Amino acid sequence: MPNSEPEKPDERVKATKDAADKPASAFLKPLQPSPELAAIVGAAPLPRPEVVSKVWEYIKKHKLQNPQNKREIMADEKLQAVFGGKNKVSMFEMNKYLAQHLN
């Protein structure tokens, strides 16, 4: 039978303090976008997931998804600079190109 005693408040505080002392994962580390990518997401350092979210916001705002194949991104001038001059890339390839523009 499980112990029905409530957890002591001190133990909960200690557990959250220990978690706060650990550094964030490298995945969440802010990265500096290249000038080409900064034209889309801004020049401030951002974590990788935030960069991807902002790029998707840009894609949806400018209706750059291929209507017949939603996995395909149709690049405008700004995205072509990020995609190495390609007119269209798949959403899977997009991440490869974004990684090249983050330091």
N, C-alpha and C. Protein backbone atom coordinates (compact mmCIF):
# COMPACT_ATOMS: atom_id res chain seq x y z
N MET A 1 0.85 -1.17 0.00
CA MET A 1 0.00 0.00 0.00
C MET A 1 0.89 1.23 0.00
N PRO A 2 0.61 2.24 -0.87
CA PRO A 2 1.46 3.42 -0.93
C PRO A 2 1.37 4.24 0.34
N ASN A 3 2.45 4.89 0.64
CA ASN A 3 2.52 5.74 1.81
C ASN A 3 1.63 6.96 1.56
N SER A 4 0.69 7.21 2.47
CA SER A 4 -0.25 8.30 2.27
C SER A 4 0.22 9.61 2.91
N GLU A 5 1.43 9.61 3.46
CA GLU A 5 1.93 10.84 4.07
C GLU A 5 2.27 11.85 2.98
N PRO A 6 1.85 13.09 3.18
CA PRO A 6 2.19 14.10 2.18
C PRO A 6 3.69 14.39 2.19
N GLU A 7 4.18 14.81 1.05
CA GLU A 7 5.59 15.16 0.92
C GLU A 7 5.87 16.40 1.77
N LYS A 8 7.02 16.43 2.39
CA LYS A 8 7.37 17.60 3.20
C LYS A 8 7.67 18.76 2.27
N PRO A 9 7.23 19.97 2.64
CA PRO A 9 7.47 21.13 1.79
C PRO A 9 8.97 21.36 1.52
N ASP A 10 9.82 21.08 2.53
CA ASP A 10 11.26 21.29 2.36
C ASP A 10 11.80 20.45 1.20
N GLU A 11 11.31 19.22 1.08
CA GLU A 11 11.80 18.31 0.04
C GLU A 11 11.41 18.81 -1.35
N ARG A 12 10.19 19.35 -1.47
CA ARG A 12 9.76 19.88 -2.77
C ARG A 12 10.60 21.09 -3.17
N VAL A 13 10.87 21.97 -2.23
CA VAL A 13 11.67 23.16 -2.51
C VAL A 13 13.07 22.76 -2.92
N LYS A 14 13.64 21.77 -2.22
CA LYS A 14 14.99 21.31 -2.52
C LYS A 14 15.03 20.72 -3.93
N ALA A 15 14.02 19.94 -4.29
CA ALA A 15 13.99 19.31 -5.61
C ALA A 15 13.93 20.36 -6.71
N THR A 16 13.11 21.38 -6.55
CA THR A 16 13.02 22.41 -7.59
C THR A 16 14.28 23.26 -7.61
N LYS A 17 14.91 23.46 -6.48
CA LYS A 17 16.16 24.23 -6.45
C LYS A 17 17.26 23.46 -7.17
N ASP A 18 17.34 22.15 -6.96
CA ASP A 18 18.33 21.32 -7.65
C ASP A 18 18.12 21.39 -9.16
N ALA A 19 16.87 21.35 -9.60
CA ALA A 19 16.57 21.41 -11.03
C ALA A 19 16.97 22.77 -11.60
N ALA A 20 16.81 23.83 -10.82
CA ALA A 20 17.17 25.17 -11.28
C ALA A 20 18.69 25.34 -11.37
N ASP A 21 19.44 24.60 -10.57
CA ASP A 21 20.89 24.70 -10.59
C ASP A 21 21.50 24.05 -11.82
N LYS A 22 20.81 23.09 -12.42
CA LYS A 22 21.34 22.39 -13.59
C LYS A 22 21.27 23.32 -14.80
N PRO A 23 22.29 23.31 -15.65
CA PRO A 23 22.23 24.16 -16.84
C PRO A 23 21.19 23.65 -17.83
N ALA A 24 20.63 24.54 -18.62
CA ALA A 24 19.65 24.16 -19.63
C ALA A 24 20.35 23.30 -20.68
N SER A 25 19.58 22.48 -21.35
CA SER A 25 20.17 21.62 -22.37
C SER A 25 20.73 22.47 -23.51
N ALA A 26 21.66 21.92 -24.24
CA ALA A 26 22.27 22.63 -25.37
C ALA A 26 21.22 22.97 -26.42
N PHE A 27 20.18 22.19 -26.48
CA PHE A 27 19.09 22.42 -27.43
C PHE A 27 18.41 23.76 -27.18
N LEU A 28 18.35 24.18 -25.91
CA LEU A 28 17.68 25.43 -25.55
C LEU A 28 18.64 26.61 -25.42
N LYS A 29 19.91 26.38 -25.72
CA LYS A 29 20.91 27.45 -25.64
C LYS A 29 20.63 28.48 -26.76
N PRO A 30 20.59 29.77 -26.42
CA PRO A 30 20.37 30.78 -27.46
C PRO A 30 21.51 30.79 -28.48
N LEU A 31 21.15 30.80 -29.75
CA LEU A 31 22.12 30.80 -30.84
C LEU A 31 21.95 32.08 -31.66
N GLN A 32 23.05 32.56 -32.19
CA GLN A 32 23.04 33.79 -32.98
C GLN A 32 22.70 33.47 -34.44
N PRO A 33 21.61 34.05 -34.96
CA PRO A 33 21.27 33.80 -36.37
C PRO A 33 22.19 34.58 -37.30
N SER A 34 22.43 34.03 -38.48
CA SER A 34 23.23 34.71 -39.51
C SER A 34 22.44 35.93 -39.99
N PRO A 35 23.09 36.85 -40.70
CA PRO A 35 22.36 38.02 -41.23
C PRO A 35 21.18 37.62 -42.14
N GLU A 36 21.35 36.55 -42.91
CA GLU A 36 20.26 36.10 -43.79
C GLU A 36 19.05 35.62 -42.99
N LEU A 37 19.32 34.84 -41.96
CA LEU A 37 18.24 34.33 -41.11
C LEU A 37 17.67 35.43 -40.22
N ALA A 38 18.52 36.37 -39.80
CA ALA A 38 18.08 37.48 -38.96
C ALA A 38 17.03 38.34 -39.67
N ALA A 39 17.05 38.37 -40.99
CA ALA A 39 16.04 39.11 -41.75
C ALA A 39 14.65 38.54 -41.52
N ILE A 40 14.58 37.29 -41.10
CA ILE A 40 13.29 36.62 -40.87
C ILE A 40 12.93 36.57 -39.39
N VAL A 41 13.91 36.19 -38.53
CA VAL A 41 13.62 35.95 -37.11
C VAL A 41 14.10 37.05 -36.18
N GLY A 42 14.86 38.01 -36.69
CA GLY A 42 15.42 39.06 -35.84
C GLY A 42 16.86 38.74 -35.49
N ALA A 43 17.60 39.75 -35.06
CA ALA A 43 19.04 39.61 -34.85
C ALA A 43 19.41 39.10 -33.46
N ALA A 44 18.47 39.05 -32.53
CA ALA A 44 18.78 38.62 -31.16
C ALA A 44 19.01 37.11 -31.11
N PRO A 45 19.92 36.64 -30.25
CA PRO A 45 20.11 35.19 -30.07
C PRO A 45 18.83 34.53 -29.56
N LEU A 46 18.50 33.38 -30.16
CA LEU A 46 17.29 32.65 -29.80
C LEU A 46 17.58 31.16 -29.70
N PRO A 47 16.83 30.44 -28.84
CA PRO A 47 16.96 28.98 -28.82
C PRO A 47 16.44 28.40 -30.14
N ARG A 48 16.99 27.28 -30.53
CA ARG A 48 16.64 26.64 -31.81
C ARG A 48 15.12 26.45 -31.97
N PRO A 49 14.38 25.95 -30.97
CA PRO A 49 12.94 25.77 -31.17
C PRO A 49 12.21 27.09 -31.48
N GLU A 50 12.67 28.18 -30.87
CA GLU A 50 12.05 29.47 -31.11
C GLU A 50 12.34 29.95 -32.54
N VAL A 51 13.54 29.69 -33.04
CA VAL A 51 13.90 30.05 -34.41
C VAL A 51 12.98 29.31 -35.38
N VAL A 52 12.81 28.02 -35.17
CA VAL A 52 11.95 27.22 -36.05
C VAL A 52 10.51 27.75 -36.01
N SER A 53 10.03 28.09 -34.82
CA SER A 53 8.66 28.63 -34.69
C SER A 53 8.51 29.94 -35.45
N LYS A 54 9.50 30.81 -35.34
CA LYS A 54 9.42 32.10 -36.04
C LYS A 54 9.50 31.92 -37.55
N VAL A 55 10.29 30.98 -38.01
CA VAL A 55 10.36 30.71 -39.44
C VAL A 55 9.01 30.20 -39.93
N TRP A 56 8.37 29.30 -39.17
CA TRP A 56 7.06 28.80 -39.56
C TRP A 56 6.02 29.91 -39.54
N GLU A 57 6.10 30.82 -38.58
CA GLU A 57 5.18 31.98 -38.57
C GLU A 57 5.34 32.77 -39.86
N TYR A 58 6.59 33.00 -40.26
CA TYR A 58 6.89 33.73 -41.48
C TYR A 58 6.33 33.00 -42.70
N ILE A 59 6.54 31.69 -42.75
CA ILE A 59 6.06 30.88 -43.87
C ILE A 59 4.53 30.96 -43.98
N LYS A 60 3.85 30.83 -42.87
CA LYS A 60 2.38 30.85 -42.88
C LYS A 60 1.85 32.25 -43.18
N LYS A 61 2.51 33.28 -42.62
CA LYS A 61 2.07 34.66 -42.85
C LYS A 61 2.15 35.02 -44.33
N HIS A 62 3.21 34.55 -44.99
CA HIS A 62 3.42 34.88 -46.40
C HIS A 62 2.91 33.79 -47.36
N LYS A 63 2.21 32.80 -46.79
CA LYS A 63 1.60 31.70 -47.58
C LYS A 63 2.61 31.04 -48.50
N LEU A 64 3.71 30.57 -47.92
CA LEU A 64 4.80 29.98 -48.69
C LEU A 64 4.78 28.45 -48.70
N GLN A 65 3.75 27.85 -48.10
CA GLN A 65 3.62 26.39 -48.16
C GLN A 65 2.93 26.03 -49.47
N ASN A 66 3.43 25.00 -50.14
CA ASN A 66 2.82 24.54 -51.38
C ASN A 66 1.43 24.00 -51.04
N PRO A 67 0.36 24.55 -51.64
CA PRO A 67 -1.00 24.08 -51.30
C PRO A 67 -1.25 22.62 -51.66
N GLN A 68 -0.60 22.11 -52.71
CA GLN A 68 -0.79 20.71 -53.11
C GLN A 68 0.02 19.76 -52.23
N ASN A 69 1.18 20.20 -51.76
CA ASN A 69 2.05 19.37 -50.93
C ASN A 69 2.52 20.21 -49.75
N LYS A 70 1.81 20.11 -48.65
CA LYS A 70 2.07 20.96 -47.47
C LYS A 70 3.47 20.76 -46.89
N ARG A 71 4.15 19.68 -47.27
CA ARG A 71 5.50 19.45 -46.77
C ARG A 71 6.54 20.30 -47.49
N GLU A 72 6.12 20.95 -48.55
CA GLU A 72 7.05 21.70 -49.38
C GLU A 72 6.94 23.20 -49.09
N ILE A 73 8.10 23.86 -48.93
CA ILE A 73 8.16 25.29 -48.68
C ILE A 73 8.63 25.97 -49.96
N MET A 74 7.84 26.92 -50.44
CA MET A 74 8.19 27.70 -51.63
C MET A 74 8.90 28.95 -51.14
N ALA A 75 10.18 29.08 -51.45
CA ALA A 75 11.00 30.16 -50.90
C ALA A 75 10.79 31.48 -51.61
N ASP A 76 10.67 32.56 -50.81
CA ASP A 76 10.71 33.91 -51.38
C ASP A 76 12.17 34.37 -51.31
N GLU A 77 12.45 35.64 -51.58
CA GLU A 77 13.84 36.13 -51.60
C GLU A 77 14.57 35.88 -50.28
N LYS A 78 13.90 36.20 -49.17
CA LYS A 78 14.55 36.05 -47.85
C LYS A 78 14.86 34.58 -47.56
N LEU A 79 13.91 33.70 -47.85
CA LEU A 79 14.13 32.28 -47.58
C LEU A 79 15.12 31.66 -48.55
N GLN A 80 15.17 32.15 -49.78
CA GLN A 80 16.16 31.63 -50.73
C GLN A 80 17.57 31.86 -50.22
N ALA A 81 17.80 32.99 -49.56
CA ALA A 81 19.12 33.27 -49.00
C ALA A 81 19.47 32.25 -47.92
N VAL A 82 18.48 31.82 -47.17
CA VAL A 82 18.70 30.82 -46.11
C VAL A 82 18.81 29.42 -46.70
N PHE A 83 18.05 29.14 -47.75
CA PHE A 83 18.00 27.80 -48.35
C PHE A 83 19.07 27.58 -49.41
N GLY A 84 20.10 28.39 -49.44
CA GLY A 84 21.19 28.20 -50.38
C GLY A 84 20.79 28.44 -51.83
N GLY A 85 19.83 29.34 -52.06
CA GLY A 85 19.42 29.68 -53.41
C GLY A 85 18.34 28.79 -54.00
N LYS A 86 17.89 27.78 -53.26
CA LYS A 86 16.84 26.87 -53.77
C LYS A 86 15.48 27.57 -53.75
N ASN A 87 14.66 27.26 -54.75
CA ASN A 87 13.30 27.82 -54.84
C ASN A 87 12.32 27.13 -53.91
N LYS A 88 12.56 25.84 -53.66
CA LYS A 88 11.68 25.09 -52.75
C LYS A 88 12.47 24.00 -52.05
N VAL A 89 12.07 23.73 -50.81
CA VAL A 89 12.68 22.67 -50.01
C VAL A 89 11.57 21.99 -49.22
N SER A 90 11.83 20.77 -48.77
CA SER A 90 10.86 20.10 -47.91
C SER A 90 11.02 20.64 -46.49
N MET A 91 10.01 20.46 -45.69
CA MET A 91 10.10 20.96 -44.31
C MET A 91 11.22 20.23 -43.54
N PHE A 92 11.59 19.05 -43.98
CA PHE A 92 12.65 18.30 -43.32
C PHE A 92 14.02 18.87 -43.71
N GLU A 93 14.17 19.24 -44.97
CA GLU A 93 15.41 19.87 -45.43
C GLU A 93 15.59 21.25 -44.79
N MET A 94 14.48 21.92 -44.53
CA MET A 94 14.52 23.27 -43.97
C MET A 94 15.36 23.31 -42.70
N ASN A 95 15.21 22.33 -41.84
CA ASN A 95 15.96 22.31 -40.58
C ASN A 95 17.46 22.21 -40.82
N LYS A 96 17.86 21.50 -41.85
CA LYS A 96 19.27 21.39 -42.20
C LYS A 96 19.82 22.77 -42.57
N TYR A 97 19.07 23.51 -43.35
CA TYR A 97 19.50 24.84 -43.77
C TYR A 97 19.49 25.83 -42.60
N LEU A 98 18.50 25.70 -41.73
CA LEU A 98 18.46 26.60 -40.56
C LEU A 98 19.67 26.36 -39.67
N ALA A 99 20.07 25.11 -39.50
CA ALA A 99 21.23 24.78 -38.65
C ALA A 99 22.49 25.44 -39.18
N GLN A 100 22.61 25.57 -40.50
CA GLN A 100 23.78 26.20 -41.08
C GLN A 100 23.85 27.70 -40.81
N HIS A 101 22.71 28.28 -40.43
CA HIS A 101 22.65 29.73 -40.20
C HIS A 101 22.56 30.08 -38.72
N LEU A 102 22.84 29.12 -37.85
CA LEU A 102 22.83 29.38 -36.41
C LEU A 102 24.20 29.09 -35.82
N ASN A 103 24.74 30.05 -35.09
CA ASN A 103 26.05 29.85 -34.42
C ASN A 103 25.89 29.98 -32.93
